[in-house]
């Protein structure tokens, strides 16, 4: 999965996450741009943030590109007590 496409996430874009959220930080509850992660080997290194899986950028939800897919993920269930 890694490397050949940016991947849409369901998070709304914010420049920074809250510092107290260490695991799965949440962005704002609404916005104009959605988060895309991962980068693409088609991109220039100055744009794709060193091709890291955790690289993040934003686009409007109605945008598309040949190097833009989606990221399948789900929130984990809480640990039983």
PDB file of N, CA and C in Angstrom:
ATOM      1  N   UNK A   1       0.821  -1.191   0.000  1.00  0.00           N
ATOM      2  CA  UNK A   1       0.000   0.000   0.000  1.00  0.00           C
ATOM      3  C   UNK A   1       0.862   1.250   0.000  1.00  0.00           C
ATOM      4  N   UNK A   2       1.983   1.211   0.639  1.00  0.00           N
ATOM      5  CA  UNK A   2       2.775   2.414   0.876  1.00  0.00           C
ATOM      6  C   UNK A   2       3.495   2.882  -0.377  1.00  0.00           C
ATOM      7  N   UNK A   3       3.409   4.175  -0.665  1.00  0.00           N
ATOM      8  CA  UNK A   3       4.319   4.765  -1.608  1.00  0.00           C
ATOM      9  C   UNK A   3       3.815   5.250  -2.933  1.00  0.00           C
ATOM     10  N   UNK A   4       2.804   4.674  -3.499  1.00  0.00           N
ATOM     11  CA  UNK A   4       2.442   5.084  -4.850  1.00  0.00           C
ATOM     12  C   UNK A   4       1.255   6.019  -4.926  1.00  0.00           C
ATOM     13  N   UNK A   5       0.678   6.369  -3.802  1.00  0.00           N
ATOM     14  CA  UNK A   5      -0.464   7.277  -3.835  1.00  0.00           C
ATOM     15  C   UNK A   5      -0.610   8.012  -2.514  1.00  0.00           C
ATOM     16  N   UNK A   6      -1.027   9.255  -2.623  1.00  0.00           N
ATOM     17  CA  UNK A   6      -1.531   9.936  -1.442  1.00  0.00           C
ATOM     18  C   UNK A   6      -2.813   9.214  -1.075  1.00  0.00           C
ATOM     19  N   UNK A   7      -3.186   9.227   0.198  1.00  0.00           N
ATOM     20  CA  UNK A   7      -4.379   8.515   0.650  1.00  0.00           C
ATOM     21  C   UNK A   7      -5.281   9.466   1.427  1.00  0.00           C
ATOM     22  N   UNK A   8      -6.543   9.567   0.991  1.00  0.00           N
ATOM     23  CA  UNK A   8      -7.514  10.369   1.716  1.00  0.00           C
ATOM     24  C   UNK A   8      -7.739   9.778   3.099  1.00  0.00           C
ATOM     25  N   UNK A   9      -7.973  10.618   4.081  1.00  0.00           N
ATOM     26  CA  UNK A   9      -8.454  10.192   5.391  1.00  0.00           C
ATOM     27  C   UNK A   9      -9.781  10.911   5.623  1.00  0.00           C
ATOM     28  N   UNK A  10     -10.488  10.573   6.680  1.00  0.00           N
ATOM     29  CA  UNK A  10     -11.765  11.242   6.954  1.00  0.00           C
ATOM     30  C   UNK A  10     -11.599  12.487   7.824  1.00  0.00           C
ATOM     31  N   UNK A  11     -10.376  12.793   8.235  1.00  0.00           N
ATOM     32  CA  UNK A  11     -10.128  13.951   9.104  1.00  0.00           C
ATOM     33  C   UNK A  11     -10.171  15.264   8.329  1.00  0.00           C
ATOM     34  N   UNK A  12     -10.718  16.284   8.987  1.00  0.00           N
ATOM     35  CA  UNK A  12     -10.640  17.635   8.447  1.00  0.00           C
ATOM     36  C   UNK A  12      -9.259  18.192   8.737  1.00  0.00           C
ATOM     37  N   UNK A  13      -8.759  19.041   7.867  1.00  0.00           N
ATOM     38  CA  UNK A  13      -7.401  19.580   7.946  1.00  0.00           C
ATOM     39  C   UNK A  13      -7.270  20.638   9.038  1.00  0.00           C
ATOM     40  N   UNK A  14      -6.174  20.574   9.769  1.00  0.00           N
ATOM     41  CA  UNK A  14      -5.719  21.625  10.677  1.00  0.00           C
ATOM     42  C   UNK A  14      -4.202  21.639  10.574  1.00  0.00           C
ATOM     43  N   UNK A  15      -3.595  22.792  10.667  1.00  0.00           N
ATOM     44  CA  UNK A  15      -2.143  22.883  10.550  1.00  0.00           C
ATOM     45  C   UNK A  15      -1.471  22.101  11.672  1.00  0.00           C
ATOM     46  N   UNK A  16      -1.998  22.216  12.896  1.00  0.00           N
ATOM     47  CA  UNK A  16      -1.409  21.533  14.049  1.00  0.00           C
ATOM     48  C   UNK A  16      -2.483  20.752  14.795  1.00  0.00           C
ATOM     49  N   UNK A  17      -2.080  19.609  15.361  1.00  0.00           N
ATOM     50  CA  UNK A  17      -2.959  18.858  16.256  1.00  0.00           C
ATOM     51  C   UNK A  17      -2.748  19.364  17.673  1.00  0.00           C
ATOM     52  N   UNK A  18      -3.715  19.087  18.538  1.00  0.00           N
ATOM     53  CA  UNK A  18      -3.555  19.438  19.950  1.00  0.00           C
ATOM     54  C   UNK A  18      -2.385  18.648  20.529  1.00  0.00           C
ATOM     55  N   UNK A  19      -1.544  19.301  21.304  1.00  0.00           N
ATOM     56  CA  UNK A  19      -0.334  18.671  21.843  1.00  0.00           C
ATOM     57  C   UNK A  19      -0.638  17.539  22.809  1.00  0.00           C
ATOM     58  N   UNK A  20      -1.799  17.558  23.467  1.00  0.00           N
ATOM     59  CA  UNK A  20      -2.112  16.516  24.446  1.00  0.00           C
ATOM     60  C   UNK A  20      -2.617  15.226  23.801  1.00  0.00           C
ATOM     61  N   UNK A  21      -2.893  15.228  22.521  1.00  0.00           N
ATOM     62  CA  UNK A  21      -3.366  14.025  21.834  1.00  0.00           C
ATOM     63  C   UNK A  21      -2.178  13.292  21.224  1.00  0.00           C
ATOM     64  N   UNK A  22      -1.730  12.242  21.894  1.00  0.00           N
ATOM     65  CA  UNK A  22      -0.555  11.503  21.456  1.00  0.00           C
ATOM     66  C   UNK A  22      -0.923  10.399  20.470  1.00  0.00           C
ATOM     67  N   UNK A  23      -2.000   9.666  20.734  1.00  0.00           N
ATOM     68  CA  UNK A  23      -2.429   8.562  19.876  1.00  0.00           C
ATOM     69  C   UNK A  23      -3.660   8.976  19.079  1.00  0.00           C
ATOM     70  N   UNK A  24      -3.603   8.809  17.765  1.00  0.00           N
ATOM     71  CA  UNK A  24      -4.709   9.123  16.862  1.00  0.00           C
ATOM     72  C   UNK A  24      -5.288  10.515  17.119  1.00  0.00           C
ATOM     73  N   UNK A  25      -4.473  11.550  16.952  1.00  0.00           N
ATOM     74  CA  UNK A  25      -4.975  12.906  17.197  1.00  0.00           C
ATOM     75  C   UNK A  25      -6.126  13.242  16.256  1.00  0.00           C
ATOM     76  N   UNK A  26      -7.112  13.905  16.778  1.00  0.00           N
ATOM     77  CA  UNK A  26      -8.280  14.301  15.996  1.00  0.00           C
ATOM     78  C   UNK A  26      -8.111  15.739  15.530  1.00  0.00           C
ATOM     79  N   UNK A  27      -8.530  15.997  14.327  1.00  0.00           N
ATOM     80  CA  UNK A  27      -8.521  17.352  13.816  1.00  0.00           C
ATOM     81  C   UNK A  27      -9.815  18.047  14.190  1.00  0.00           C
ATOM     82  N   UNK A  28     -10.101  19.162  13.545  1.00  0.00           N
ATOM     83  CA  UNK A  28     -11.339  19.882  13.834  1.00  0.00           C
ATOM     84  C   UNK A  28     -12.561  19.075  13.400  1.00  0.00           C
ATOM     85  N   UNK A  29     -13.736  19.431  13.929  1.00  0.00           N
ATOM     86  CA  UNK A  29     -14.961  18.694  13.604  1.00  0.00           C
ATOM     87  C   UNK A  29     -15.542  19.088  12.248  1.00  0.00           C
ATOM     88  N   UNK A  30     -15.043  20.163  11.647  1.00  0.00           N
ATOM     89  CA  UNK A  30     -15.485  20.569  10.311  1.00  0.00           C
ATOM     90  C   UNK A  30     -14.382  21.405   9.669  1.00  0.00           C
ATOM     91  N   UNK A  31     -14.552  21.711   8.403  1.00  0.00           N
ATOM     92  CA  UNK A  31     -13.561  22.518   7.711  1.00  0.00           C
ATOM     93  C   UNK A  31     -13.820  22.564   6.221  1.00  0.00           C
ATOM     94  N   UNK A  32     -12.852  23.048   5.464  1.00  0.00           N
ATOM     95  CA  UNK A  32     -12.987  23.120   4.011  1.00  0.00           C
ATOM     96  C   UNK A  32     -12.107  22.108   3.301  1.00  0.00           C
ATOM     97  N   UNK A  33     -11.016  21.672   3.949  1.00  0.00           N
ATOM     98  CA  UNK A  33     -10.086  20.717   3.342  1.00  0.00           C
ATOM     99  C   UNK A  33     -10.022  19.439   4.165  1.00  0.00           C
ATOM    100  N   UNK A  34      -9.804  18.317   3.484  1.00  0.00           N
ATOM    101  CA  UNK A  34      -9.605  17.024   4.141  1.00  0.00           C
ATOM    102  C   UNK A  34      -8.119  16.678   4.127  1.00  0.00           C
ATOM    103  N   UNK A  35      -7.707  15.826   5.064  1.00  0.00           N
ATOM    104  CA  UNK A  35      -6.312  15.400   5.180  1.00  0.00           C
ATOM    105  C   UNK A  35      -6.037  14.260   4.210  1.00  0.00           C
ATOM    106  N   UNK A  36      -4.913  14.337   3.535  1.00  0.00           N
ATOM    107  CA  UNK A  36      -4.401  13.208   2.757  1.00  0.00           C
ATOM    108  C   UNK A  36      -3.026  12.883   3.312  1.00  0.00           C
ATOM    109  N   UNK A  37      -2.687  11.594   3.331  1.00  0.00           N
ATOM    110  CA  UNK A  37      -1.422  11.164   3.928  1.00  0.00           C
ATOM    111  C   UNK A  37      -0.656  10.268   2.981  1.00  0.00           C
ATOM    112  N   UNK A  38       0.642  10.167   3.236  1.00  0.00           N
ATOM    113  CA  UNK A  38       1.472   9.159   2.594  1.00  0.00           C
ATOM    114  C   UNK A  38       2.415   9.633   1.528  1.00  0.00           C
ATOM    115  N   UNK A  39       2.022  10.537   0.689  1.00  0.00           N
ATOM    116  CA  UNK A  39       2.885  10.958  -0.409  1.00  0.00           C
ATOM    117  C   UNK A  39       2.883   9.963  -1.553  1.00  0.00           C
ATOM    118  N   UNK A  40       3.532  10.321  -2.623  1.00  0.00           N
ATOM    119  CA  UNK A  40       3.581   9.498  -3.824  1.00  0.00           C
ATOM    120  C   UNK A  40       4.973   9.602  -4.413  1.00  0.00           C
ATOM    121  N   UNK A  41       5.477   8.500  -4.934  1.00  0.00           N
ATOM    122  CA  UNK A  41       6.789   8.530  -5.571  1.00  0.00           C
ATOM    123  C   UNK A  41       6.777   9.388  -6.838  1.00  0.00           C
ATOM    124  N   UNK A  42       5.604   9.794  -7.294  1.00  0.00           N
ATOM    125  CA  UNK A  42       5.512  10.669  -8.457  1.00  0.00           C
ATOM    126  C   UNK A  42       5.839  12.116  -8.098  1.00  0.00           C
ATOM    127  N   UNK A  43       5.822  12.444  -6.814  1.00  0.00           N
ATOM    128  CA  UNK A  43       6.009  13.826  -6.367  1.00  0.00           C
ATOM    129  C   UNK A  43       7.480  14.190  -6.243  1.00  0.00           C
ATOM    130  N   UNK A  44       7.755  15.460  -6.363  1.00  0.00           N
ATOM    131  CA  UNK A  44       9.099  15.980  -6.109  1.00  0.00           C
ATOM    132  C   UNK A  44       9.346  15.979  -4.604  1.00  0.00           C
ATOM    133  N   UNK A  45      10.570  15.731  -4.187  1.00  0.00           N
ATOM    134  CA  UNK A  45      10.881  15.603  -2.759  1.00  0.00           C
ATOM    135  C   UNK A  45      10.531  16.846  -1.950  1.00  0.00           C
ATOM    136  N   UNK A  46      10.552  18.015  -2.542  1.00  0.00           N
ATOM    137  CA  UNK A  46      10.221  19.224  -1.796  1.00  0.00           C
ATOM    138  C   UNK A  46       8.724  19.317  -1.493  1.00  0.00           C
ATOM    139  N   UNK A  47       7.903  18.577  -2.238  1.00  0.00           N
ATOM    140  CA  UNK A  47       6.461  18.613  -2.028  1.00  0.00           C
ATOM    141  C   UNK A  47       5.977  17.467  -1.152  1.00  0.00           C
ATOM    142  N   UNK A  48       6.586  16.307  -1.262  1.00  0.00           N
ATOM    143  CA  UNK A  48       6.071  15.106  -0.592  1.00  0.00           C
ATOM    144  C   UNK A  48       6.682  14.843   0.769  1.00  0.00           C
ATOM    145  N   UNK A  49       7.381  15.772   1.318  1.00  0.00           N
ATOM    146  CA  UNK A  49       7.836  15.664   2.699  1.00  0.00           C
ATOM    147  C   UNK A  49       8.613  14.379   2.959  1.00  0.00           C
ATOM    148  N   UNK A  50       9.584  14.105   2.138  1.00  0.00           N
ATOM    149  CA  UNK A  50      10.489  12.971   2.305  1.00  0.00           C
ATOM    150  C   UNK A  50       9.796  11.621   2.170  1.00  0.00           C
ATOM    151  N   UNK A  51       8.647  11.554   1.542  1.00  0.00           N
ATOM    152  CA  UNK A  51       7.970  10.293   1.223  1.00  0.00           C
ATOM    153  C   UNK A  51       7.618   9.451   2.439  1.00  0.00           C
ATOM    154  N   UNK A  52       7.438  10.044   3.583  1.00  0.00           N
ATOM    155  CA  UNK A  52       7.079   9.288   4.781  1.00  0.00           C
ATOM    156  C   UNK A  52       5.610   8.882   4.738  1.00  0.00           C
ATOM    157  N   UNK A  53       5.290   7.731   5.323  1.00  0.00           N
ATOM    158  CA  UNK A  53       3.890   7.293   5.423  1.00  0.00           C
ATOM    159  C   UNK A  53       3.061   8.289   6.222  1.00  0.00           C
ATOM    160  N   UNK A  54       3.706   8.961   7.166  1.00  0.00           N
ATOM    161  CA  UNK A  54       3.004   9.906   8.024  1.00  0.00           C
ATOM    162  C   UNK A  54       2.931  11.304   7.419  1.00  0.00           C
ATOM    163  N   UNK A  55       3.486  11.516   6.243  1.00  0.00           N
ATOM    164  CA  UNK A  55       3.399  12.832   5.607  1.00  0.00           C
ATOM    165  C   UNK A  55       1.930  13.207   5.476  1.00  0.00           C
ATOM    166  N   UNK A  56       1.614  14.460   5.707  1.00  0.00           N
ATOM    167  CA  UNK A  56       0.224  14.885   5.588  1.00  0.00           C
ATOM    168  C   UNK A  56       0.143  16.194   4.830  1.00  0.00           C
ATOM    169  N   UNK A  57      -0.923  16.323   4.090  1.00  0.00           N
ATOM    170  CA  UNK A  57      -1.197  17.518   3.319  1.00  0.00           C
ATOM    171  C   UNK A  57      -2.708  17.646   3.248  1.00  0.00           C
ATOM    172  N   UNK A  58      -3.201  18.607   2.493  1.00  0.00           N
ATOM    173  CA  UNK A  58      -4.643  18.801   2.423  1.00  0.00           C
ATOM    174  C   UNK A  58      -5.084  19.109   1.005  1.00  0.00           C
ATOM    175  N   UNK A  59      -6.338  18.825   0.752  1.00  0.00           N
ATOM    176  CA  UNK A  59      -7.015  19.184  -0.491  1.00  0.00           C
ATOM    177  C   UNK A  59      -8.500  19.325  -0.202  1.00  0.00           C
ATOM    178  N   UNK A  60      -9.197  20.010  -1.092  1.00  0.00           N
ATOM    179  CA  UNK A  60     -10.646  20.074  -0.962  1.00  0.00           C
ATOM    180  C   UNK A  60     -11.213  18.683  -1.228  1.00  0.00           C
ATOM    181  N   UNK A  61     -12.303  18.304  -0.566  1.00  0.00           N
ATOM    182  CA  UNK A  61     -12.842  16.948  -0.711  1.00  0.00           C
ATOM    183  C   UNK A  61     -13.255  16.579  -2.138  1.00  0.00           C
ATOM    184  N   UNK A  62     -13.476  17.559  -2.997  1.00  0.00           N
ATOM    185  CA  UNK A  62     -13.897  17.253  -4.367  1.00  0.00           C
ATOM    186  C   UNK A  62     -12.730  17.159  -5.351  1.00  0.00           C
ATOM    187  N   UNK A  63     -11.488  17.238  -4.862  1.00  0.00           N
ATOM    188  CA  UNK A  63     -10.337  17.163  -5.766  1.00  0.00           C
ATOM    189  C   UNK A  63      -9.962  15.711  -6.036  1.00  0.00           C
ATOM    190  N   UNK A  64      -9.268  15.492  -7.140  1.00  0.00           N
ATOM    191  CA  UNK A  64      -8.825  14.139  -7.494  1.00  0.00           C
ATOM    192  C   UNK A  64      -7.519  14.236  -8.274  1.00  0.00           C
ATOM    193  N   UNK A  65      -6.802  13.112  -8.326  1.00  0.00           N
ATOM    194  CA  UNK A  65      -5.550  13.034  -9.072  1.00  0.00           C
ATOM    195  C   UNK A  65      -5.233  11.562  -9.298  1.00  0.00           C
ATOM    196  N   UNK A  66      -4.374  11.283 -10.250  1.00  0.00           N
ATOM    197  CA  UNK A  66      -4.018   9.892 -10.542  1.00  0.00           C
ATOM    198  C   UNK A  66      -3.178   9.275  -9.430  1.00  0.00           C
ATOM    199  N   UNK A  67      -2.593  10.089  -8.569  1.00  0.00           N
ATOM    200  CA  UNK A  67      -1.784   9.568  -7.465  1.00  0.00           C
ATOM    201  C   UNK A  67      -2.455   9.811  -6.114  1.00  0.00           C
ATOM    202  N   UNK A  68      -3.788   9.766  -6.092  1.00  0.00           N
ATOM    203  CA  UNK A  68      -4.564   9.999  -4.878  1.00  0.00           C
ATOM    204  C   UNK A  68      -5.598   8.903  -4.722  1.00  0.00           C
ATOM    205  N   UNK A  69      -5.486   8.142  -3.638  1.00  0.00           N
ATOM    206  CA  UNK A  69      -6.418   7.046  -3.361  1.00  0.00           C
ATOM    207  C   UNK A  69      -7.097   7.274  -2.025  1.00  0.00           C
ATOM    208  N   UNK A  70      -7.312   6.206  -1.254  1.00  0.00           N
ATOM    209  CA  UNK A  70      -7.894   6.372   0.070  1.00  0.00           C
ATOM    210  C   UNK A  70      -7.253   5.404   1.045  1.00  0.00           C
ATOM    211  N   UNK A  71      -7.331   5.728   2.310  1.00  0.00           N
ATOM    212  CA  UNK A  71      -6.722   4.940   3.386  1.00  0.00           C
ATOM    213  C   UNK A  71      -7.832   4.248   4.163  1.00  0.00           C
ATOM    214  N   UNK A  72      -7.785   2.927   4.213  1.00  0.00           N
ATOM    215  CA  UNK A  72      -8.768   2.157   4.978  1.00  0.00           C
ATOM    216  C   UNK A  72      -8.297   2.049   6.422  1.00  0.00           C
ATOM    217  N   UNK A  73      -9.109   2.497   7.334  1.00  0.00           N
ATOM    218  CA  UNK A  73      -8.758   2.438   8.754  1.00  0.00           C
ATOM    219  C   UNK A  73     -10.034   2.510   9.572  1.00  0.00           C
ATOM    220  N   UNK A  74      -9.952   2.037  10.792  1.00  0.00           N
ATOM    221  CA  UNK A  74     -11.085   2.102  11.715  1.00  0.00           C
ATOM    222  C   UNK A  74     -10.552   2.388  13.106  1.00  0.00           C
ATOM    223  N   UNK A  75     -11.366   3.052  13.903  1.00  0.00           N
ATOM    224  CA  UNK A  75     -10.987   3.268  15.295  1.00  0.00           C
ATOM    225  C   UNK A  75     -10.987   1.929  16.011  1.00  0.00           C
ATOM    226  N   UNK A  76     -10.021   1.716  16.871  1.00  0.00           N
ATOM    227  CA  UNK A  76      -9.946   0.481  17.647  1.00  0.00           C
ATOM    228  C   UNK A  76     -11.005   0.493  18.740  1.00  0.00           C
ATOM    229  N   UNK A  77     -11.531  -0.675  19.042  1.00  0.00           N
ATOM    230  CA  UNK A  77     -12.474  -0.793  20.150  1.00  0.00           C
ATOM    231  C   UNK A  77     -11.726  -0.586  21.456  1.00  0.00           C
ATOM    232  N   UNK A  78     -12.374   0.004  22.439  1.00  0.00           N
ATOM    233  CA  UNK A  78     -11.698   0.170  23.725  1.00  0.00           C
ATOM    234  C   UNK A  78     -11.377  -1.191  24.342  1.00  0.00           C
ATOM    235  N   UNK A  79     -10.301  -1.246  25.101  1.00  0.00           N
ATOM    236  CA  UNK A  79      -9.914  -2.480  25.785  1.00  0.00           C
ATOM    237  C   UNK A  79     -10.974  -2.838  26.822  1.00  0.00           C
ATOM    238  N   UNK A  80     -11.391  -4.114  26.890  1.00  0.00           N
ATOM    239  CA  UNK A  80     -12.365  -4.496  27.930  1.00  0.00           C
ATOM    240  C   UNK A  80     -11.731  -4.366  29.316  1.00  0.00           C
ATOM    241  N   UNK A  81     -12.536  -3.995  30.276  1.00  0.00           N
ATOM    242  CA  UNK A  81     -12.017  -3.823  31.650  1.00  0.00           C
ATOM    243  C   UNK A  81     -12.294  -5.027  32.477  1.00  0.00           C
TER     244      UNK A  81
END
